Amino acid sequence: GVPGSEGEYMWAGAAGTFFWVDPKQNLAVVAMMQAPGPTRPSM
């Protein structure tokens, strides 16, 4: 239920950090925050 490309890969951290790499779009994104809690998937 989110946009993206086949083959993109990612992971995240319990305190809110998040990154992904999309080779098809030649894209790399890093988002760093210290926001633990149940809202992380939505963020």
All heavy atoms as atom14 arrays in JSON, in Angstrom:
{
  "sequence": "GVPGSEGEYMWAGAAGTFFWVDPKQNLAVVAMMQAPGPTRPSM",
  "atom14_mask": [
    [1, 1, 1, 1, 0, 0, 0, 0, 0, 0, 0, 0, 0, 0],
    [1, 1, 1, 1, 1, 1, 1, 0, 0, 0, 0, 0, 0, 0],
    [1, 1, 1, 1, 1, 1, 1, 0, 0, 0, 0, 0, 0, 0],
    [1, 1, 1, 1, 0, 0, 0, 0, 0, 0, 0, 0, 0, 0],
    [1, 1, 1, 1, 1, 1, 0, 0, 0, 0, 0, 0, 0, 0],
    [1, 1, 1, 1, 1, 1, 1, 1, 1, 0, 0, 0, 0, 0],
    [1, 1, 1, 1, 0, 0, 0, 0, 0, 0, 0, 0, 0, 0],
    [1, 1, 1, 1, 1, 1, 1, 1, 1, 0, 0, 0, 0, 0],
    [1, 1, 1, 1, 1, 1, 1, 1, 1, 1, 1, 1, 0, 0],
    [1, 1, 1, 1, 1, 1, 1, 1, 0, 0, 0, 0, 0, 0],
    [1, 1, 1, 1, 1, 1, 1, 1, 1, 1, 1, 1, 1, 1],
    [1, 1, 1, 1, 1, 0, 0, 0, 0, 0, 0, 0, 0, 0],
    [1, 1, 1, 1, 0, 0, 0, 0, 0, 0, 0, 0, 0, 0],
    [1, 1, 1, 1, 1, 0, 0, 0, 0, 0, 0, 0, 0, 0],
    [1, 1, 1, 1, 1, 0, 0, 0, 0, 0, 0, 0, 0, 0],
    [1, 1, 1, 1, 0, 0, 0, 0, 0, 0, 0, 0, 0, 0],
    [1, 1, 1, 1, 1, 1, 1, 0, 0, 0, 0, 0, 0, 0],
    [1, 1, 1, 1, 1, 1, 1, 1, 1, 1, 1, 0, 0, 0],
    [1, 1, 1, 1, 1, 1, 1, 1, 1, 1, 1, 0, 0, 0],
    [1, 1, 1, 1, 1, 1, 1, 1, 1, 1, 1, 1, 1, 1],
    [1, 1, 1, 1, 1, 1, 1, 0, 0, 0, 0, 0, 0, 0],
    [1, 1, 1, 1, 1, 1, 1, 1, 0, 0, 0, 0, 0, 0],
    [1, 1, 1, 1, 1, 1, 1, 0, 0, 0, 0, 0, 0, 0],
    [1, 1, 1, 1, 1, 1, 1, 1, 1, 0, 0, 0, 0, 0],
    [1, 1, 1, 1, 1, 1, 1, 1, 1, 0, 0, 0, 0, 0],
    [1, 1, 1, 1, 1, 1, 1, 1, 0, 0, 0, 0, 0, 0],
    [1, 1, 1, 1, 1, 1, 1, 1, 0, 0, 0, 0, 0, 0],
    [1, 1, 1, 1, 1, 0, 0, 0, 0, 0, 0, 0, 0, 0],
    [1, 1, 1, 1, 1, 1, 1, 0, 0, 0, 0, 0, 0, 0],
    [1, 1, 1, 1, 1, 1, 1, 0, 0, 0, 0, 0, 0, 0],
    [1, 1, 1, 1, 1, 0, 0, 0, 0, 0, 0, 0, 0, 0],
    [1, 1, 1, 1, 1, 1, 1, 1, 0, 0, 0, 0, 0, 0],
    [1, 1, 1, 1, 1, 1, 1, 1, 0, 0, 0, 0, 0, 0],
    [1, 1, 1, 1, 1, 1, 1, 1, 1, 0, 0, 0, 0, 0],
    [1, 1, 1, 1, 1, 0, 0, 0, 0, 0, 0, 0, 0, 0],
    [1, 1, 1, 1, 1, 1, 1, 0, 0, 0, 0, 0, 0, 0],
    [1, 1, 1, 1, 0, 0, 0, 0, 0, 0, 0, 0, 0, 0],
    [1, 1, 1, 1, 1, 1, 1, 0, 0, 0, 0, 0, 0, 0],
    [1, 1, 1, 1, 1, 1, 1, 0, 0, 0, 0, 0, 0, 0],
    [1, 1, 1, 1, 1, 1, 1, 1, 1, 1, 1, 0, 0, 0],
    [1, 1, 1, 1, 1, 1, 1, 0, 0, 0, 0, 0, 0, 0],
    [1, 1, 1, 1, 1, 1, 0, 0, 0, 0, 0, 0, 0, 0],
    [1, 1, 1, 1, 1, 1, 1, 1, 0, 0, 0, 0, 0, 0]
  ],
  "atom14_positions": [
    [[0.8, -1.22, 0.0], [0.0, 0.0, 0.0], [0.83, 1.27, 0.0], [0.4, 2.3, 0.52], [0.0, 0.0, 0.0], [0.0, 0.0, 0.0], [0.0, 0.0, 0.0], [0.0, 0.0, 0.0], [0.0, 0.0, 0.0], [0.0, 0.0, 0.0], [0.0, 0.0, 0.0], [0.0, 0.0, 0.0], [0.0, 0.0, 0.0], [0.0, 0.0, 0.0]],
    [[2.02, 1.2, -0.56], [2.9, 2.37, -0.72], [3.55, 2.28, -2.09], [3.74, 1.18, -2.62], [3.99, 2.42, 0.37], [3.41, 2.8, 1.72], [4.76, 1.11, 0.45], [0.0, 0.0, 0.0], [0.0, 0.0, 0.0], [0.0, 0.0, 0.0], [0.0, 0.0, 0.0], [0.0, 0.0, 0.0], [0.0, 0.0, 0.0], [0.0, 0.0, 0.0]],
    [[3.9, 3.42, -2.7], [4.58, 3.36, -3.99], [5.99, 2.8, -3.83], [6.58, 2.83, -2.75], [4.62, 4.82, -4.44], [4.52, 5.61, -3.17], [3.68, 4.8, -2.24], [0.0, 0.0, 0.0], [0.0, 0.0, 0.0], [0.0, 0.0, 0.0], [0.0, 0.0, 0.0], [0.0, 0.0, 0.0], [0.0, 0.0, 0.0], [0.0, 0.0, 0.0]],
    [[6.53, 2.28, -4.93], [7.87, 1.73, -4.91], [8.1, 0.87, -6.13], [7.25, 0.79, -7.01], [0.0, 0.0, 0.0], [0.0, 0.0, 0.0], [0.0, 0.0, 0.0], [0.0, 0.0, 0.0], [0.0, 0.0, 0.0], [0.0, 0.0, 0.0], [0.0, 0.0, 0.0], [0.0, 0.0, 0.0], [0.0, 0.0, 0.0], [0.0, 0.0, 0.0]],
    [[9.25, 0.23, -6.19], [9.64, -0.56, -7.36], [9.99, -1.97, -6.95], [10.51, -2.21, -5.85], [10.87, 0.07, -8.04], [10.66, 1.43, -8.34], [0.0, 0.0, 0.0], [0.0, 0.0, 0.0], [0.0, 0.0, 0.0], [0.0, 0.0, 0.0], [0.0, 0.0, 0.0], [0.0, 0.0, 0.0], [0.0, 0.0, 0.0], [0.0, 0.0, 0.0]],
    [[9.73, -2.9, -7.84], [10.17, -4.28, -7.62], [11.68, -4.29, -7.42], [12.43, -3.68, -8.18], [9.8, -5.14, -8.82], [10.2, -6.6, -8.67], [9.79, -7.43, -9.86], [9.17, -6.88, -10.8], [10.09, -8.64, -9.87], [0.0, 0.0, 0.0], [0.0, 0.0, 0.0], [0.0, 0.0, 0.0], [0.0, 0.0, 0.0], [0.0, 0.0, 0.0]],
    [[12.12, -4.95, -6.36], [13.55, -5.05, -6.09], [14.1, -3.98, -5.17], [15.27, -4.05, -4.79], [0.0, 0.0, 0.0], [0.0, 0.0, 0.0], [0.0, 0.0, 0.0], [0.0, 0.0, 0.0], [0.0, 0.0, 0.0], [0.0, 0.0, 0.0], [0.0, 0.0, 0.0], [0.0, 0.0, 0.0], [0.0, 0.0, 0.0], [0.0, 0.0, 0.0]],
    [[13.28, -2.99, -4.78], [13.78, -2.02, -3.8], [14.0, -2.73, -2.47], [13.35, -3.74, -2.17], [12.8, -0.87, -3.62], [11.52, -1.29, -2.95], [10.59, -0.13, -2.61], [10.78, 0.97, -3.13], [9.68, -0.35, -1.8], [0.0, 0.0, 0.0], [0.0, 0.0, 0.0], [0.0, 0.0, 0.0], [0.0, 0.0, 0.0], [0.0, 0.0, 0.0]],
    [[14.91, -2.23, -1.66], [15.18, -2.91, -0.39], [15.42, -1.87, 0.71], [15.79, -0.73, 0.43], [16.37, -3.86, -0.5], [17.62, -3.29, -1.12], [18.65, -2.77, -0.33], [17.78, -3.27, -2.5], [19.81, -2.26, -0.9], [18.94, -2.76, -3.09], [19.94, -2.26, -2.28], [21.09, -1.75, -2.85], [0.0, 0.0, 0.0], [0.0, 0.0, 0.0]],
    [[15.2, -2.3, 1.96], [15.17, -1.32, 3.05], [15.22, -2.0, 4.39], [15.1, -3.22, 4.52], [13.88, -0.5, 2.95], [12.62, -1.32, 3.22], [11.09, -0.38, 2.95], [11.13, -0.22, 1.16], [0.0, 0.0, 0.0], [0.0, 0.0, 0.0], [0.0, 0.0, 0.0], [0.0, 0.0, 0.0], [0.0, 0.0, 0.0], [0.0, 0.0, 0.0]],
    [[15.36, -1.19, 5.43], [15.08, -1.59, 6.79], [14.98, -0.33, 7.64], [15.12, 0.78, 7.14], [16.08, -2.59, 7.32], [15.5, -3.41, 8.45], [15.98, -3.55, 9.71], [14.3, -4.2, 8.38], [15.15, -4.38, 10.44], [14.11, -4.78, 9.66], [13.34, -4.45, 7.39], [13.03, -5.61, 9.97], [12.25, -5.27, 7.69], [12.11, -5.83, 8.96]],
    [[14.69, -0.52, 8.92], [14.43, 0.61, 9.8], [14.88, 0.26, 11.21], [15.31, -0.87, 11.48], [12.94, 0.97, 9.77], [0.0, 0.0, 0.0], [0.0, 0.0, 0.0], [0.0, 0.0, 0.0], [0.0, 0.0, 0.0], [0.0, 0.0, 0.0], [0.0, 0.0, 0.0], [0.0, 0.0, 0.0], [0.0, 0.0, 0.0], [0.0, 0.0, 0.0]],
    [[14.76, 1.23, 12.12], [15.16, 1.02, 13.5], [14.04, 1.31, 14.47], [13.14, 2.12, 14.2], [0.0, 0.0, 0.0], [0.0, 0.0, 0.0], [0.0, 0.0, 0.0], [0.0, 0.0, 0.0], [0.0, 0.0, 0.0], [0.0, 0.0, 0.0], [0.0, 0.0, 0.0], [0.0, 0.0, 0.0], [0.0, 0.0, 0.0], [0.0, 0.0, 0.0]],
    [[14.1, 0.69, 15.65], [13.04, 0.8, 16.65], [12.84, 2.22, 17.14], [11.76, 2.57, 17.63], [13.34, -0.12, 17.83], [0.0, 0.0, 0.0], [0.0, 0.0, 0.0], [0.0, 0.0, 0.0], [0.0, 0.0, 0.0], [0.0, 0.0, 0.0], [0.0, 0.0, 0.0], [0.0, 0.0, 0.0], [0.0, 0.0, 0.0], [0.0, 0.0, 0.0]],
    [[13.86, 3.07, 17.04], [13.73, 4.45, 17.51], [13.29, 5.41, 16.42], [13.26, 6.62, 16.63], [15.05, 4.93, 18.11], [0.0, 0.0, 0.0], [0.0, 0.0, 0.0], [0.0, 0.0, 0.0], [0.0, 0.0, 0.0], [0.0, 0.0, 0.0], [0.0, 0.0, 0.0], [0.0, 0.0, 0.0], [0.0, 0.0, 0.0], [0.0, 0.0, 0.0]],
    [[12.94, 4.89, 15.24], [12.36, 5.73, 14.2], [13.19, 5.93, 12.95], [12.71, 6.5, 11.97], [0.0, 0.0, 0.0], [0.0, 0.0, 0.0], [0.0, 0.0, 0.0], [0.0, 0.0, 0.0], [0.0, 0.0, 0.0], [0.0, 0.0, 0.0], [0.0, 0.0, 0.0], [0.0, 0.0, 0.0], [0.0, 0.0, 0.0], [0.0, 0.0, 0.0]],
    [[14.46, 5.49, 12.93], [15.28, 5.68, 11.73], [14.78, 4.77, 10.6], [14.2, 3.71, 10.84], [16.75, 5.38, 12.03], [16.87, 4.04, 12.52], [17.29, 6.35, 13.07], [0.0, 0.0, 0.0], [0.0, 0.0, 0.0], [0.0, 0.0, 0.0], [0.0, 0.0, 0.0], [0.0, 0.0, 0.0], [0.0, 0.0, 0.0], [0.0, 0.0, 0.0]],
    [[15.03, 5.18, 9.35], [14.44, 4.48, 8.19], [15.29, 4.78, 6.96], [15.78, 5.9, 6.8], [13.01, 4.98, 7.99], [12.25, 4.41, 6.83], [12.3, 3.07, 6.53], [11.45, 5.25, 6.06], [11.57, 2.55, 5.46], [10.72, 4.74, 4.99], [10.78, 3.39, 4.7], [0.0, 0.0, 0.0], [0.0, 0.0, 0.0], [0.0, 0.0, 0.0]],
    [[15.5, 3.77, 6.11], [16.17, 4.01, 4.84], [15.68, 3.03, 3.8], [15.14, 1.97, 4.13], [17.7, 3.89, 4.99], [18.22, 2.48, 4.8], [18.84, 2.09, 3.62], [18.09, 1.54, 5.81], [19.31, 0.8, 3.45], [18.56, 0.24, 5.66], [19.18, -0.13, 4.48], [0.0, 0.0, 0.0], [0.0, 0.0, 0.0], [0.0, 0.0, 0.0]],
    [[15.84, 3.4, 2.54], [15.62, 2.43, 1.48], [16.44, 2.79, 0.26], [16.9, 3.91, 0.09], [14.14, 2.28, 1.13], [13.52, 3.33, 0.26], [13.42, 3.33, -1.09], [12.85, 4.52, 0.7], [12.73, 4.43, -1.53], [12.37, 5.18, -0.46], [12.6, 5.09, 1.96], [11.66, 6.37, -0.4], [11.89, 6.29, 2.03], [11.44, 6.91, 0.85]],
    [[16.63, 1.77, -0.58], [17.38, 1.88, -1.83], [16.5, 1.33, -2.94], [15.97, 0.22, -2.82], [18.7, 1.1, -1.76], [19.4, 1.09, -3.12], [19.61, 1.69, -0.69], [0.0, 0.0, 0.0], [0.0, 0.0, 0.0], [0.0, 0.0, 0.0], [0.0, 0.0, 0.0], [0.0, 0.0, 0.0], [0.0, 0.0, 0.0], [0.0, 0.0, 0.0]],
    [[16.32, 2.1, -4.01], [15.51, 1.67, -5.15], [16.38, 1.69, -6.41], [16.57, 2.75, -7.02], [14.31, 2.62, -5.32], [13.34, 2.15, -6.4], [13.77, 1.4, -7.31], [12.17, 2.54, -6.34], [0.0, 0.0, 0.0], [0.0, 0.0, 0.0], [0.0, 0.0, 0.0], [0.0, 0.0, 0.0], [0.0, 0.0, 0.0], [0.0, 0.0, 0.0]],
    [[16.95, 0.54, -6.79], [17.82, 0.52, -7.97], [17.13, 0.95, -9.26], [17.75, 1.59, -10.12], [18.28, -0.94, -8.04], [18.16, -1.45, -6.64], [16.93, -0.76, -6.11], [0.0, 0.0, 0.0], [0.0, 0.0, 0.0], [0.0, 0.0, 0.0], [0.0, 0.0, 0.0], [0.0, 0.0, 0.0], [0.0, 0.0, 0.0], [0.0, 0.0, 0.0]],
    [[15.85, 0.61, -9.42], [15.16, 0.96, -10.67], [15.0, 2.47, -10.8], [15.04, 3.01, -11.92], [13.8, 0.26, -10.73], [13.9, -1.23, -10.99], [12.57, -1.84, -11.36], [12.75, -3.3, -11.75], [11.46, -3.94, -12.13], [0.0, 0.0, 0.0], [0.0, 0.0, 0.0], [0.0, 0.0, 0.0], [0.0, 0.0, 0.0], [0.0, 0.0, 0.0]],
    [[14.82, 3.15, -9.7], [14.71, 4.62, -9.73], [16.04, 5.3, -9.45], [16.1, 6.54, -9.4], [13.67, 5.08, -8.7], [12.24, 4.72, -9.05], [11.73, 5.52, -10.24], [12.31, 6.52, -10.65], [10.62, 5.07, -10.81], [0.0, 0.0, 0.0], [0.0, 0.0, 0.0], [0.0, 0.0, 0.0], [0.0, 0.0, 0.0], [0.0, 0.0, 0.0]],
    [[17.1, 4.51, -9.24], [18.43, 5.05, -8.92], [18.32, 6.02, -7.74], [18.78, 7.17, -7.8], [19.05, 5.73, -10.13], [20.58, 5.81, -10.02], [21.17, 5.38, -9.03], [21.21, 6.37, -11.03], [0.0, 0.0, 0.0], [0.0, 0.0, 0.0], [0.0, 0.0, 0.0], [0.0, 0.0, 0.0], [0.0, 0.0, 0.0], [0.0, 0.0, 0.0]],
    [[17.71, 5.53, -6.67], [17.29, 6.36, -5.55], [17.76, 5.76, -4.23], [17.67, 4.56, -4.01], [15.76, 6.44, -5.56], [15.05, 7.25, -4.49], [15.21, 8.75, -4.75], [13.56, 6.87, -4.47], [0.0, 0.0, 0.0], [0.0, 0.0, 0.0], [0.0, 0.0, 0.0], [0.0, 0.0, 0.0], [0.0, 0.0, 0.0], [0.0, 0.0, 0.0]],
    [[18.27, 6.61, -3.34], [18.59, 6.21, -1.97], [18.07, 7.28, -1.03], [18.29, 8.48, -1.26], [20.1, 6.03, -1.79], [0.0, 0.0, 0.0], [0.0, 0.0, 0.0], [0.0, 0.0, 0.0], [0.0, 0.0, 0.0], [0.0, 0.0, 0.0], [0.0, 0.0, 0.0], [0.0, 0.0, 0.0], [0.0, 0.0, 0.0], [0.0, 0.0, 0.0]],
    [[17.38, 6.85, 0.03], [16.75, 7.79, 0.96], [17.09, 7.37, 2.39], [17.0, 6.19, 2.74], [15.22, 7.82, 0.79], [14.59, 8.82, 1.76], [14.84, 8.15, -0.65], [0.0, 0.0, 0.0], [0.0, 0.0, 0.0], [0.0, 0.0, 0.0], [0.0, 0.0, 0.0], [0.0, 0.0, 0.0], [0.0, 0.0, 0.0], [0.0, 0.0, 0.0]],
    [[17.47, 8.33, 3.21], [17.72, 8.1, 4.63], [16.94, 9.13, 5.42], [16.99, 10.33, 5.12], [19.22, 8.22, 4.97], [19.44, 8.16, 6.49], [20.02, 7.12, 4.28], [0.0, 0.0, 0.0], [0.0, 0.0, 0.0], [0.0, 0.0, 0.0], [0.0, 0.0, 0.0], [0.0, 0.0, 0.0], [0.0, 0.0, 0.0], [0.0, 0.0, 0.0]],
    [[16.19, 8.65, 6.42], [15.45, 9.54, 7.33], [15.8, 9.15, 8.75], [15.56, 8.01, 9.17], [13.95, 9.43, 7.1], [0.0, 0.0, 0.0], [0.0, 0.0, 0.0], [0.0, 0.0, 0.0], [0.0, 0.0, 0.0], [0.0, 0.0, 0.0], [0.0, 0.0, 0.0], [0.0, 0.0, 0.0], [0.0, 0.0, 0.0], [0.0, 0.0, 0.0]],
    [[16.41, 10.07, 9.5], [16.85, 9.8, 10.86], [16.01, 10.61, 11.86], [15.95, 11.84, 11.77], [18.32, 10.17, 11.03], [19.28, 9.29, 10.23], [19.43, 7.65, 10.95], [21.04, 7.15, 10.31], [0.0, 0.0, 0.0], [0.0, 0.0, 0.0], [0.0, 0.0, 0.0], [0.0, 0.0, 0.0], [0.0, 0.0, 0.0], [0.0, 0.0, 0.0]],
    [[15.38, 9.9, 12.78], [14.65, 10.55, 13.87], [14.7, 9.63, 15.09], [15.01, 8.45, 14.98], [13.21, 10.85, 13.45], [12.36, 9.61, 13.17], [10.76, 10.01, 12.42], [11.24, 10.18, 10.69], [0.0, 0.0, 0.0], [0.0, 0.0, 0.0], [0.0, 0.0, 0.0], [0.0, 0.0, 0.0], [0.0, 0.0, 0.0], [0.0, 0.0, 0.0]],
    [[14.45, 10.19, 16.26], [14.37, 9.39, 17.47], [12.93, 9.47, 17.96], [12.57, 10.27, 18.82], [15.36, 9.89, 18.52], [16.8, 9.83, 18.08], [17.43, 8.44, 17.99], [18.39, 8.13, 18.68], [16.9, 7.6, 17.1], [0.0, 0.0, 0.0], [0.0, 0.0, 0.0], [0.0, 0.0, 0.0], [0.0, 0.0, 0.0], [0.0, 0.0, 0.0]],
    [[12.09, 8.63, 17.32], [10.66, 8.64, 17.59], [10.16, 7.21, 17.69], [9.53, 6.69, 16.77], [9.93, 9.4, 16.49], [0.0, 0.0, 0.0], [0.0, 0.0, 0.0], [0.0, 0.0, 0.0], [0.0, 0.0, 0.0], [0.0, 0.0, 0.0], [0.0, 0.0, 0.0], [0.0, 0.0, 0.0], [0.0, 0.0, 0.0], [0.0, 0.0, 0.0]],
    [[10.45, 6.53, 18.81], [9.91, 5.18, 19.0], [8.4, 5.24, 19.21], [7.85, 6.31, 19.46], [10.64, 4.71, 20.26], [10.93, 5.95, 21.02], [11.2, 7.01, 19.98], [0.0, 0.0, 0.0], [0.0, 0.0, 0.0], [0.0, 0.0, 0.0], [0.0, 0.0, 0.0], [0.0, 0.0, 0.0], [0.0, 0.0, 0.0], [0.0, 0.0, 0.0]],
    [[7.76, 4.09, 19.12], [6.32, 4.06, 19.37], [5.54, 3.51, 18.2], [6.08, 3.26, 17.12], [0.0, 0.0, 0.0], [0.0, 0.0, 0.0], [0.0, 0.0, 0.0], [0.0, 0.0, 0.0], [0.0, 0.0, 0.0], [0.0, 0.0, 0.0], [0.0, 0.0, 0.0], [0.0, 0.0, 0.0], [0.0, 0.0, 0.0], [0.0, 0.0, 0.0]],
    [[4.24, 3.34, 18.38], [3.4, 2.67, 17.37], [3.13, 3.46, 16.1], [2.55, 2.92, 15.15], [2.1, 2.4, 18.14], [2.08, 3.42, 19.22], [3.5, 3.65, 19.6], [0.0, 0.0, 0.0], [0.0, 0.0, 0.0], [0.0, 0.0, 0.0], [0.0, 0.0, 0.0], [0.0, 0.0, 0.0], [0.0, 0.0, 0.0], [0.0, 0.0, 0.0]],
    [[3.51, 4.73, 16.04], [3.27, 5.53, 14.83], [4.36, 5.34, 13.78], [4.25, 5.88, 12.69], [3.17, 7.03, 15.18], [4.41, 7.45, 15.77], [2.04, 7.3, 16.15], [0.0, 0.0, 0.0], [0.0, 0.0, 0.0], [0.0, 0.0, 0.0], [0.0, 0.0, 0.0], [0.0, 0.0, 0.0], [0.0, 0.0, 0.0], [0.0, 0.0, 0.0]],
    [[5.41, 4.56, 14.1], [6.52, 4.4, 13.16], [6.09, 3.88, 11.79], [6.51, 4.43, 10.76], [7.59, 3.48, 13.75], [8.41, 4.12, 14.85], [9.28, 3.08, 15.54], [8.46, 2.07, 16.19], [8.85, 0.83, 16.48], [10.05, 0.42, 16.14], [8.05, 0.0, 17.1], [0.0, 0.0, 0.0], [0.0, 0.0, 0.0], [0.0, 0.0, 0.0]],
    [[5.27, 2.81, 11.69], [4.87, 2.35, 10.35], [4.19, 3.44, 9.52], [4.45, 3.58, 8.33], [3.92, 1.19, 10.66], [4.36, 0.68, 11.99], [4.77, 1.91, 12.74], [0.0, 0.0, 0.0], [0.0, 0.0, 0.0], [0.0, 0.0, 0.0], [0.0, 0.0, 0.0], [0.0, 0.0, 0.0], [0.0, 0.0, 0.0], [0.0, 0.0, 0.0]],
    [[3.31, 4.22, 10.18], [2.63, 5.31, 9.47], [3.62, 6.36, 8.99], [3.5, 6.88, 7.87], [1.58, 5.94, 10.39], [0.99, 7.06, 9.78], [0.0, 0.0, 0.0], [0.0, 0.0, 0.0], [0.0, 0.0, 0.0], [0.0, 0.0, 0.0], [0.0, 0.0, 0.0], [0.0, 0.0, 0.0], [0.0, 0.0, 0.0], [0.0, 0.0, 0.0]],
    [[4.6, 6.68, 9.82], [5.6, 7.69, 9.44], [6.42, 7.21, 8.25], [6.73, 7.99, 7.34], [6.51, 7.99, 10.63], [7.43, 9.17, 10.43], [6.55, 10.73, 10.26], [5.78, 10.84, 11.89], [0.0, 0.0, 0.0], [0.0, 0.0, 0.0], [0.0, 0.0, 0.0], [0.0, 0.0, 0.0], [0.0, 0.0, 0.0], [0.0, 0.0, 0.0]]
  ]
}
